[in-house]
C-alpha cells in the first residue's frame, strides 16, 4: 500500500550493505570457480547477441562491454512511456519471464523509505528516475538457449 512507486520486492527501511552469504553459499561458490571463464564467455556472447538485435530506436544498445560480463540483459527505454512500460511488463509476466524493473537494487534508492524525510526533488535526478521507471533486467545464464533469447528480443521489439 505504501511506496507504490517502488518494486514491492525491494523496499529498504534503512541504508545498508547487502551481505547474505553463508558458509554453504561459499562452498557452492568455490565449487563453481572452475566453470567461471566458460560461463563468462557464454554470458558475454548471449549479451552481445541480445543487444545486437534489440531495437536501438526504442532502447539503449550502445554499452561499453570491454572487460564486462553481465549476469543479466539490461534493457533501458530511450523515451519515457508508462503505457508501453506496463504493456511490456504484462507481456513478460504472461510469458513467464522473470524480470526486475529499475535494474539491480530496486531502482532509485532516493525513493526508498529511509530517504522520505530528506525533501529530495527527484527532478534533480532525472537519469536515475528514468532508470527507476523505464528499465529492466532479465537473467542471462550461461546455458540460456538462443530460442529464449530470440523470444525475449521479440517481446521487447514488438510490444
C-alpha atoms as a PDB file:
ATOM      1  CA  UNK A   1       0.000   0.000   0.000  1.00  0.00           C
ATOM      2  CA  UNK A   2       2.831   2.422   0.858  1.00  0.00           C
ATOM      3  CA  UNK A   3       5.696   3.112  -1.556  1.00  0.00           C
ATOM      4  CA  UNK A   4       3.720   2.249  -4.681  1.00  0.00           C
ATOM      5  CA  UNK A   5       6.477   3.775  -6.841  1.00  0.00           C
ATOM      6  CA  UNK A   6       8.902   1.061  -5.686  1.00  0.00           C
ATOM      7  CA  UNK A   7       9.301  -2.575  -6.640  1.00  0.00           C
ATOM      8  CA  UNK A   8       7.499  -4.211  -3.732  1.00  0.00           C
ATOM      9  CA  UNK A   9      10.153  -6.956  -3.549  1.00  0.00           C
ATOM     10  CA  UNK A  10      12.890  -4.389  -2.929  1.00  0.00           C
ATOM     11  CA  UNK A  11      11.852  -1.887  -0.293  1.00  0.00           C
ATOM     12  CA  UNK A  12      14.581  -1.000   2.189  1.00  0.00           C
ATOM     13  CA  UNK A  13      13.794   0.585   5.547  1.00  0.00           C
ATOM     14  CA  UNK A  14      17.367   1.749   6.062  1.00  0.00           C
ATOM     15  CA  UNK A  15      20.602   2.241   4.130  1.00  0.00           C
ATOM     16  CA  UNK A  16      22.905  -0.711   4.464  1.00  0.00           C
ATOM     17  CA  UNK A  17      25.025  -3.276   2.748  1.00  0.00           C
ATOM     18  CA  UNK A  18      23.666  -6.415   1.166  1.00  0.00           C
ATOM     19  CA  UNK A  19      25.573  -9.244   2.851  1.00  0.00           C
ATOM     20  CA  UNK A  20      23.701 -12.534   2.687  1.00  0.00           C
ATOM     21  CA  UNK A  21      26.310 -15.194   2.154  1.00  0.00           C
ATOM     22  CA  UNK A  22      26.563 -18.253   4.346  1.00  0.00           C
ATOM     23  CA  UNK A  23      29.187 -20.990   4.590  1.00  0.00           C
ATOM     24  CA  UNK A  24      27.167 -23.248   2.310  1.00  0.00           C
ATOM     25  CA  UNK A  25      26.989 -20.420  -0.251  1.00  0.00           C
ATOM     26  CA  UNK A  26      30.771 -20.093  -0.059  1.00  0.00           C
ATOM     27  CA  UNK A  27      31.264 -23.834  -0.638  1.00  0.00           C
ATOM     28  CA  UNK A  28      28.945 -23.748  -3.640  1.00  0.00           C
ATOM     29  CA  UNK A  29      30.639 -20.624  -4.989  1.00  0.00           C
ATOM     30  CA  UNK A  30      34.127 -22.110  -4.695  1.00  0.00           C
ATOM     31  CA  UNK A  31      32.957 -25.271  -6.484  1.00  0.00           C
ATOM     32  CA  UNK A  32      31.775 -23.115  -9.411  1.00  0.00           C
ATOM     33  CA  UNK A  33      35.109 -21.322  -9.934  1.00  0.00           C
ATOM     34  CA  UNK A  34      36.381 -23.940 -12.397  1.00  0.00           C
ATOM     35  CA  UNK A  35      33.433 -23.069 -14.696  1.00  0.00           C
ATOM     36  CA  UNK A  36      33.795 -19.299 -14.334  1.00  0.00           C
ATOM     37  CA  UNK A  37      35.713 -18.492 -17.533  1.00  0.00           C
ATOM     38  CA  UNK A  38      33.493 -20.676 -19.732  1.00  0.00           C
ATOM     39  CA  UNK A  39      30.315 -19.317 -18.129  1.00  0.00           C
ATOM     40  CA  UNK A  40      31.531 -15.738 -18.544  1.00  0.00           C
ATOM     41  CA  UNK A  41      32.218 -16.295 -22.251  1.00  0.00           C
ATOM     42  CA  UNK A  42      28.680 -17.663 -22.660  1.00  0.00           C
ATOM     43  CA  UNK A  43      27.161 -14.677 -20.862  1.00  0.00           C
ATOM     44  CA  UNK A  44      29.195 -12.228 -22.967  1.00  0.00           C
ATOM     45  CA  UNK A  45      28.112 -13.983 -26.158  1.00  0.00           C
ATOM     46  CA  UNK A  46      24.456 -14.013 -25.032  1.00  0.00           C
ATOM     47  CA  UNK A  47      24.510 -10.315 -24.143  1.00  0.00           C
ATOM     48  CA  UNK A  48      26.206  -9.263 -27.378  1.00  0.00           C
ATOM     49  CA  UNK A  49      23.667 -11.289 -29.365  1.00  0.00           C
ATOM     50  CA  UNK A  50      20.764  -9.811 -27.383  1.00  0.00           C
ATOM     51  CA  UNK A  51      21.832  -6.174 -27.561  1.00  0.00           C
ATOM     52  CA  UNK A  52      22.778  -6.573 -31.237  1.00  0.00           C
ATOM     53  CA  UNK A  53      19.171  -7.451 -32.100  1.00  0.00           C
ATOM     54  CA  UNK A  54      17.407  -5.098 -29.675  1.00  0.00           C
ATOM     55  CA  UNK A  55      15.654  -2.169 -31.377  1.00  0.00           C
ATOM     56  CA  UNK A  56      18.112   0.715 -30.971  1.00  0.00           C
ATOM     57  CA  UNK A  57      15.368   3.230 -31.771  1.00  0.00           C
ATOM     58  CA  UNK A  58      13.440   2.206 -28.636  1.00  0.00           C
ATOM     59  CA  UNK A  59      16.226   1.084 -26.303  1.00  0.00           C
ATOM     60  CA  UNK A  60      19.778   1.988 -25.406  1.00  0.00           C
ATOM     61  CA  UNK A  61      22.114  -0.504 -27.074  1.00  0.00           C
ATOM     62  CA  UNK A  62      25.471   1.262 -27.006  1.00  0.00           C
ATOM     63  CA  UNK A  63      27.020  -0.378 -23.960  1.00  0.00           C
ATOM     64  CA  UNK A  64      30.761  -0.394 -23.339  1.00  0.00           C
ATOM     65  CA  UNK A  65      31.280  -4.111 -22.864  1.00  0.00           C
ATOM     66  CA  UNK A  66      35.065  -4.092 -22.772  1.00  0.00           C
ATOM     67  CA  UNK A  67      36.036  -6.277 -19.822  1.00  0.00           C
ATOM     68  CA  UNK A  68      32.394  -6.756 -18.801  1.00  0.00           C
ATOM     69  CA  UNK A  69      30.357  -9.879 -18.232  1.00  0.00           C
ATOM     70  CA  UNK A  70      26.685  -9.314 -17.444  1.00  0.00           C
ATOM     71  CA  UNK A  71      24.618 -11.698 -15.357  1.00  0.00           C
ATOM     72  CA  UNK A  72      21.583 -10.009 -16.883  1.00  0.00           C
ATOM     73  CA  UNK A  73      20.249  -8.483 -20.056  1.00  0.00           C
ATOM     74  CA  UNK A  74      19.979  -4.746 -19.474  1.00  0.00           C
ATOM     75  CA  UNK A  75      17.048  -3.027 -21.159  1.00  0.00           C
ATOM     76  CA  UNK A  76      16.609   0.755 -20.906  1.00  0.00           C
ATOM     77  CA  UNK A  77      13.888   2.596 -22.801  1.00  0.00           C
ATOM     78  CA  UNK A  78      15.110   5.729 -24.560  1.00  0.00           C
ATOM     79  CA  UNK A  79      11.880   7.665 -24.056  1.00  0.00           C
ATOM     80  CA  UNK A  80       9.607   7.623 -21.013  1.00  0.00           C
ATOM     81  CA  UNK A  81       6.319   5.901 -21.754  1.00  0.00           C
ATOM     82  CA  UNK A  82       4.354   4.403 -18.857  1.00  0.00           C
ATOM     83  CA  UNK A  83       1.756   2.798 -21.149  1.00  0.00           C
ATOM     84  CA  UNK A  84       4.439   0.966 -23.141  1.00  0.00           C
ATOM     85  CA  UNK A  85       6.303   0.050 -19.946  1.00  0.00           C
ATOM     86  CA  UNK A  86       3.197  -1.533 -18.424  1.00  0.00           C
ATOM     87  CA  UNK A  87       2.398  -3.368 -21.667  1.00  0.00           C
ATOM     88  CA  UNK A  88       5.939  -4.789 -21.785  1.00  0.00           C
ATOM     89  CA  UNK A  89       5.751  -5.925 -18.171  1.00  0.00           C
ATOM     90  CA  UNK A  90       2.354  -7.560 -18.679  1.00  0.00           C
ATOM     91  CA  UNK A  91       3.690  -9.381 -21.741  1.00  0.00           C
ATOM     92  CA  UNK A  92       6.766 -10.561 -19.838  1.00  0.00           C
ATOM     93  CA  UNK A  93       4.571 -11.871 -16.991  1.00  0.00           C
ATOM     94  CA  UNK A  94       2.180 -13.543 -19.445  1.00  0.00           C
ATOM     95  CA  UNK A  95       5.176 -15.351 -20.984  1.00  0.00           C
ATOM     96  CA  UNK A  96       6.563 -16.425 -17.598  1.00  0.00           C
ATOM     97  CA  UNK A  97       9.680 -14.274 -17.921  1.00  0.00           C
ATOM     98  CA  UNK A  98      11.101 -13.105 -14.616  1.00  0.00           C
ATOM     99  CA  UNK A  99      12.392  -9.550 -14.604  1.00  0.00           C
ATOM    100  CA  UNK A 100      13.230  -6.704 -12.296  1.00  0.00           C
ATOM    101  CA  UNK A 101      12.366  -3.112 -13.084  1.00  0.00           C
ATOM    102  CA  UNK A 102      14.872  -0.415 -12.209  1.00  0.00           C
ATOM    103  CA  UNK A 103      17.868  -2.667 -12.791  1.00  0.00           C
ATOM    104  CA  UNK A 104      19.510  -4.048  -9.663  1.00  0.00           C
ATOM    105  CA  UNK A 105      18.966  -2.711  -6.179  1.00  0.00           C
ATOM    106  CA  UNK A 106      15.287  -1.863  -6.511  1.00  0.00           C
ATOM    107  CA  UNK A 107      15.619   1.210  -8.704  1.00  0.00           C
ATOM    108  CA  UNK A 108      16.085   4.764  -7.461  1.00  0.00           C
ATOM    109  CA  UNK A 109      17.398   4.423  -3.910  1.00  0.00           C
ATOM    110  CA  UNK A 110      16.385   8.038  -3.256  1.00  0.00           C
ATOM    111  CA  UNK A 111      12.768   6.850  -3.312  1.00  0.00           C
ATOM    112  CA  UNK A 112      13.333   4.314  -0.536  1.00  0.00           C
ATOM    113  CA  UNK A 113      11.621   4.911   2.829  1.00  0.00           C
ATOM    114  CA  UNK A 114      14.867   5.825   4.592  1.00  0.00           C
ATOM    115  CA  UNK A 115      15.134   8.924   2.368  1.00  0.00           C
ATOM    116  CA  UNK A 116      11.488  10.043   2.623  1.00  0.00           C
ATOM    117  CA  UNK A 117      12.210  12.736   5.219  1.00  0.00           C
ATOM    118  CA  UNK A 118      15.064  14.306   3.206  1.00  0.00           C
ATOM    119  CA  UNK A 119      12.902  16.517   0.936  1.00  0.00           C
ATOM    120  CA  UNK A 120      14.534  15.268  -2.242  1.00  0.00           C
ATOM    121  CA  UNK A 121      13.478  16.774  -5.551  1.00  0.00           C
ATOM    122  CA  UNK A 122      13.505  13.817  -7.953  1.00  0.00           C
ATOM    123  CA  UNK A 123      13.711  16.260 -10.869  1.00  0.00           C
ATOM    124  CA  UNK A 124      17.320  16.830  -9.787  1.00  0.00           C
ATOM    125  CA  UNK A 125      17.967  13.152 -10.599  1.00  0.00           C
ATOM    126  CA  UNK A 126      16.242  12.689 -13.949  1.00  0.00           C
ATOM    127  CA  UNK A 127      18.534   9.923 -15.217  1.00  0.00           C
ATOM    128  CA  UNK A 128      18.238   7.904 -12.020  1.00  0.00           C
ATOM    129  CA  UNK A 129      14.471   8.303 -12.073  1.00  0.00           C
ATOM    130  CA  UNK A 130      14.354   7.309 -15.753  1.00  0.00           C
ATOM    131  CA  UNK A 131      16.218   4.092 -14.906  1.00  0.00           C
ATOM    132  CA  UNK A 132      13.854   3.568 -11.963  1.00  0.00           C
ATOM    133  CA  UNK A 133      10.776   3.709 -14.170  1.00  0.00           C
ATOM    134  CA  UNK A 134      11.878   2.603 -17.637  1.00  0.00           C
ATOM    135  CA  UNK A 135      14.496  -0.119 -17.355  1.00  0.00           C
ATOM    136  CA  UNK A 136      14.658  -3.797 -16.540  1.00  0.00           C
ATOM    137  CA  UNK A 137      16.999  -6.647 -16.229  1.00  0.00           C
ATOM    138  CA  UNK A 138      16.338 -10.229 -17.161  1.00  0.00           C
ATOM    139  CA  UNK A 139      18.660 -13.046 -16.124  1.00  0.00           C
ATOM    140  CA  UNK A 140      21.441 -14.060 -18.507  1.00  0.00           C
ATOM    141  CA  UNK A 141      22.611 -17.516 -17.551  1.00  0.00           C
ATOM    142  CA  UNK A 142      25.302 -19.491 -19.390  1.00  0.00           C
ATOM    143  CA  UNK A 143      23.052 -22.306 -20.649  1.00  0.00           C
ATOM    144  CA  UNK A 144      20.332 -19.972 -21.946  1.00  0.00           C
ATOM    145  CA  UNK A 145      19.049 -21.251 -25.282  1.00  0.00           C
ATOM    146  CA  UNK A 146      19.183 -18.919 -28.286  1.00  0.00           C
ATOM    147  CA  UNK A 147      15.445 -19.505 -28.870  1.00  0.00           C
ATOM    148  CA  UNK A 148      14.669 -17.998 -25.458  1.00  0.00           C
ATOM    149  CA  UNK A 149      16.898 -15.013 -26.186  1.00  0.00           C
ATOM    150  CA  UNK A 150      15.124 -14.563 -29.535  1.00  0.00           C
ATOM    151  CA  UNK A 151      11.750 -14.732 -27.745  1.00  0.00           C
ATOM    152  CA  UNK A 152      12.863 -12.042 -25.314  1.00  0.00           C
ATOM    153  CA  UNK A 153      14.118  -9.842 -28.153  1.00  0.00           C
ATOM    154  CA  UNK A 154      10.821 -10.270 -29.977  1.00  0.00           C
ATOM    155  CA  UNK A 155       8.822  -9.250 -26.904  1.00  0.00           C
ATOM    156  CA  UNK A 156      10.801  -6.056 -26.392  1.00  0.00           C
ATOM    157  CA  UNK A 157      10.946  -5.155 -30.070  1.00  0.00           C
ATOM    158  CA  UNK A 158       7.340  -5.977 -30.992  1.00  0.00           C
ATOM    159  CA  UNK A 159       5.349  -4.827 -27.947  1.00  0.00           C
END
